[in-house]
């Protein structure tokens, strides 16, 4: 799997052990991203928000990394977590901020 070295270890193990499943999963993700007019940065923000909602730490880490790859600044990723406050509550937003900061290393806020 060519992208495996860039994956976190658990995902890399799945990709290596079950290449056909990983290929299908990756194709589904691409098809979903290509299904509408959203640009890559907006898609990253939406996916980060979708990971924050149910409190999926690994997914928040993953989408924060992808956001950085797409050129989103740490402040933009952090704002996504802050936007969760009115809907999900302060505790959920702070938890998401710490996960984003795990990736960005930016703990200014």
C-alpha atoms as a PDB file:
ATOM      1  CA  UNK A   1       0.000   0.000   0.000  1.00  0.00           C
ATOM      2  CA  UNK A   2       1.804   3.185  -1.135  1.00  0.00           C
ATOM      3  CA  UNK A   3       0.231   5.533   1.447  1.00  0.00           C
ATOM      4  CA  UNK A   4       0.691   3.167   4.386  1.00  0.00           C
ATOM      5  CA  UNK A   5       3.862   4.813   5.806  1.00  0.00           C
ATOM      6  CA  UNK A   6       1.931   8.077   6.308  1.00  0.00           C
ATOM      7  CA  UNK A   7      -0.867   6.353   8.216  1.00  0.00           C
ATOM      8  CA  UNK A   8      -0.978   6.036  11.996  1.00  0.00           C
ATOM      9  CA  UNK A   9       0.159   2.576  13.045  1.00  0.00           C
ATOM     10  CA  UNK A  10      -3.307   1.093  13.668  1.00  0.00           C
ATOM     11  CA  UNK A  11      -4.648   2.271  10.309  1.00  0.00           C
ATOM     12  CA  UNK A  12      -1.460   1.136   8.588  1.00  0.00           C
ATOM     13  CA  UNK A  13      -1.910  -2.361  10.019  1.00  0.00           C
ATOM     14  CA  UNK A  14      -5.451  -2.510   8.626  1.00  0.00           C
ATOM     15  CA  UNK A  15      -4.275  -1.212   5.246  1.00  0.00           C
ATOM     16  CA  UNK A  16      -1.457  -3.757   5.131  1.00  0.00           C
ATOM     17  CA  UNK A  17      -3.496  -6.704   6.389  1.00  0.00           C
ATOM     18  CA  UNK A  18      -6.669  -6.001   4.427  1.00  0.00           C
ATOM     19  CA  UNK A  19      -5.586  -4.170   1.292  1.00  0.00           C
ATOM     20  CA  UNK A  20      -8.835  -4.771  -0.616  1.00  0.00           C
ATOM     21  CA  UNK A  21     -10.946  -3.374   2.230  1.00  0.00           C
ATOM     22  CA  UNK A  22      -8.632  -0.365   2.600  1.00  0.00           C
ATOM     23  CA  UNK A  23      -8.770   0.283  -1.153  1.00  0.00           C
ATOM     24  CA  UNK A  24     -12.589   0.179  -1.141  1.00  0.00           C
ATOM     25  CA  UNK A  25     -12.749   2.393   1.959  1.00  0.00           C
ATOM     26  CA  UNK A  26     -10.404   4.931   0.340  1.00  0.00           C
ATOM     27  CA  UNK A  27     -12.448   4.904  -2.871  1.00  0.00           C
ATOM     28  CA  UNK A  28     -15.641   5.534  -0.880  1.00  0.00           C
ATOM     29  CA  UNK A  29     -14.019   8.509   0.866  1.00  0.00           C
ATOM     30  CA  UNK A  30     -12.906   9.965  -2.476  1.00  0.00           C
ATOM     31  CA  UNK A  31     -16.351   9.453  -4.011  1.00  0.00           C
ATOM     32  CA  UNK A  32     -17.979  11.256  -1.078  1.00  0.00           C
ATOM     33  CA  UNK A  33     -15.522  14.149  -1.362  1.00  0.00           C
ATOM     34  CA  UNK A  34     -16.094  14.383  -5.114  1.00  0.00           C
ATOM     35  CA  UNK A  35     -19.900  14.261  -4.799  1.00  0.00           C
ATOM     36  CA  UNK A  36     -20.390  18.008  -4.453  1.00  0.00           C
ATOM     37  CA  UNK A  37     -18.921  21.473  -4.812  1.00  0.00           C
ATOM     38  CA  UNK A  38     -17.045  21.732  -1.493  1.00  0.00           C
ATOM     39  CA  UNK A  39     -13.359  22.589  -1.739  1.00  0.00           C
ATOM     40  CA  UNK A  40     -10.766  20.439   0.083  1.00  0.00           C
ATOM     41  CA  UNK A  41     -10.364  22.842   3.028  1.00  0.00           C
ATOM     42  CA  UNK A  42     -14.117  23.007   3.613  1.00  0.00           C
ATOM     43  CA  UNK A  43     -14.323  19.216   3.429  1.00  0.00           C
ATOM     44  CA  UNK A  44     -11.580  18.970   6.077  1.00  0.00           C
ATOM     45  CA  UNK A  45     -13.428  21.376   8.379  1.00  0.00           C
ATOM     46  CA  UNK A  46     -16.710  19.498   7.918  1.00  0.00           C
ATOM     47  CA  UNK A  47     -15.078  16.138   8.619  1.00  0.00           C
ATOM     48  CA  UNK A  48     -13.297  17.557  11.668  1.00  0.00           C
ATOM     49  CA  UNK A  49     -16.622  18.847  12.990  1.00  0.00           C
ATOM     50  CA  UNK A  50     -18.246  15.466  12.336  1.00  0.00           C
ATOM     51  CA  UNK A  51     -15.485  13.815  14.381  1.00  0.00           C
ATOM     52  CA  UNK A  52     -15.789  16.343  17.218  1.00  0.00           C
ATOM     53  CA  UNK A  53     -19.536  15.760  17.631  1.00  0.00           C
ATOM     54  CA  UNK A  54     -19.421  12.134  18.771  1.00  0.00           C
ATOM     55  CA  UNK A  55     -16.060  12.615  20.506  1.00  0.00           C
ATOM     56  CA  UNK A  56     -13.914  10.467  18.221  1.00  0.00           C
ATOM     57  CA  UNK A  57     -10.361  11.258  19.329  1.00  0.00           C
ATOM     58  CA  UNK A  58      -8.587   9.314  16.588  1.00  0.00           C
ATOM     59  CA  UNK A  59     -10.757  10.863  13.893  1.00  0.00           C
ATOM     60  CA  UNK A  60     -10.195  14.369  15.307  1.00  0.00           C
ATOM     61  CA  UNK A  61      -6.437  13.732  15.181  1.00  0.00           C
ATOM     62  CA  UNK A  62      -6.735  12.413  11.619  1.00  0.00           C
ATOM     63  CA  UNK A  63      -8.831  15.291  10.319  1.00  0.00           C
ATOM     64  CA  UNK A  64      -6.657  17.878  12.077  1.00  0.00           C
ATOM     65  CA  UNK A  65      -3.631  16.373  10.291  1.00  0.00           C
ATOM     66  CA  UNK A  66      -5.498  16.437   6.988  1.00  0.00           C
ATOM     67  CA  UNK A  67      -6.512  20.029   7.621  1.00  0.00           C
ATOM     68  CA  UNK A  68      -2.876  20.971   8.098  1.00  0.00           C
ATOM     69  CA  UNK A  69      -2.016  19.158   4.860  1.00  0.00           C
ATOM     70  CA  UNK A  70      -4.683  21.224   3.082  1.00  0.00           C
ATOM     71  CA  UNK A  71      -3.158  24.430   4.452  1.00  0.00           C
ATOM     72  CA  UNK A  72      -5.581  25.197   7.274  1.00  0.00           C
ATOM     73  CA  UNK A  73      -3.898  27.173  10.056  1.00  0.00           C
ATOM     74  CA  UNK A  74      -4.061  25.904  13.648  1.00  0.00           C
ATOM     75  CA  UNK A  75      -6.432  28.766  14.465  1.00  0.00           C
ATOM     76  CA  UNK A  76      -8.907  27.523  11.850  1.00  0.00           C
ATOM     77  CA  UNK A  77      -8.840  24.024  13.267  1.00  0.00           C
ATOM     78  CA  UNK A  78      -9.249  25.417  16.787  1.00  0.00           C
ATOM     79  CA  UNK A  79     -12.168  27.587  15.673  1.00  0.00           C
ATOM     80  CA  UNK A  80     -13.928  24.452  14.470  1.00  0.00           C
ATOM     81  CA  UNK A  81     -13.738  23.102  18.028  1.00  0.00           C
ATOM     82  CA  UNK A  82     -14.881  26.428  19.486  1.00  0.00           C
ATOM     83  CA  UNK A  83     -17.939  26.366  17.224  1.00  0.00           C
ATOM     84  CA  UNK A  84     -19.006  23.235  19.101  1.00  0.00           C
ATOM     85  CA  UNK A  85     -19.572  25.179  22.343  1.00  0.00           C
ATOM     86  CA  UNK A  86     -23.191  26.314  21.738  1.00  0.00           C
ATOM     87  CA  UNK A  87     -24.280  22.945  20.345  1.00  0.00           C
ATOM     88  CA  UNK A  88     -22.217  20.350  22.215  1.00  0.00           C
ATOM     89  CA  UNK A  89     -21.119  22.237  25.313  1.00  0.00           C
ATOM     90  CA  UNK A  90     -17.897  23.662  26.665  1.00  0.00           C
ATOM     91  CA  UNK A  91     -16.502  20.346  27.896  1.00  0.00           C
ATOM     92  CA  UNK A  92     -16.811  18.684  24.472  1.00  0.00           C
ATOM     93  CA  UNK A  93     -15.246  21.702  22.762  1.00  0.00           C
ATOM     94  CA  UNK A  94     -12.327  21.826  25.208  1.00  0.00           C
ATOM     95  CA  UNK A  95     -11.773  18.101  24.765  1.00  0.00           C
ATOM     96  CA  UNK A  96     -11.673  18.593  20.986  1.00  0.00           C
ATOM     97  CA  UNK A  97      -9.280  21.532  21.364  1.00  0.00           C
ATOM     98  CA  UNK A  98      -6.839  19.364  23.284  1.00  0.00           C
ATOM     99  CA  UNK A  99      -6.997  16.695  20.576  1.00  0.00           C
ATOM    100  CA  UNK A 100      -6.392  19.289  17.855  1.00  0.00           C
ATOM    101  CA  UNK A 101      -3.504  20.713  19.871  1.00  0.00           C
ATOM    102  CA  UNK A 102      -2.028  17.198  20.089  1.00  0.00           C
ATOM    103  CA  UNK A 103      -1.566  17.494  16.328  1.00  0.00           C
ATOM    104  CA  UNK A 104      -0.738  21.188  15.915  1.00  0.00           C
ATOM    105  CA  UNK A 105       1.336  21.620  19.060  1.00  0.00           C
ATOM    106  CA  UNK A 106      -0.324  25.043  19.359  1.00  0.00           C
ATOM    107  CA  UNK A 107      -1.529  25.556  22.937  1.00  0.00           C
ATOM    108  CA  UNK A 108      -1.909  29.355  22.881  1.00  0.00           C
ATOM    109  CA  UNK A 109      -5.649  29.336  23.554  1.00  0.00           C
END
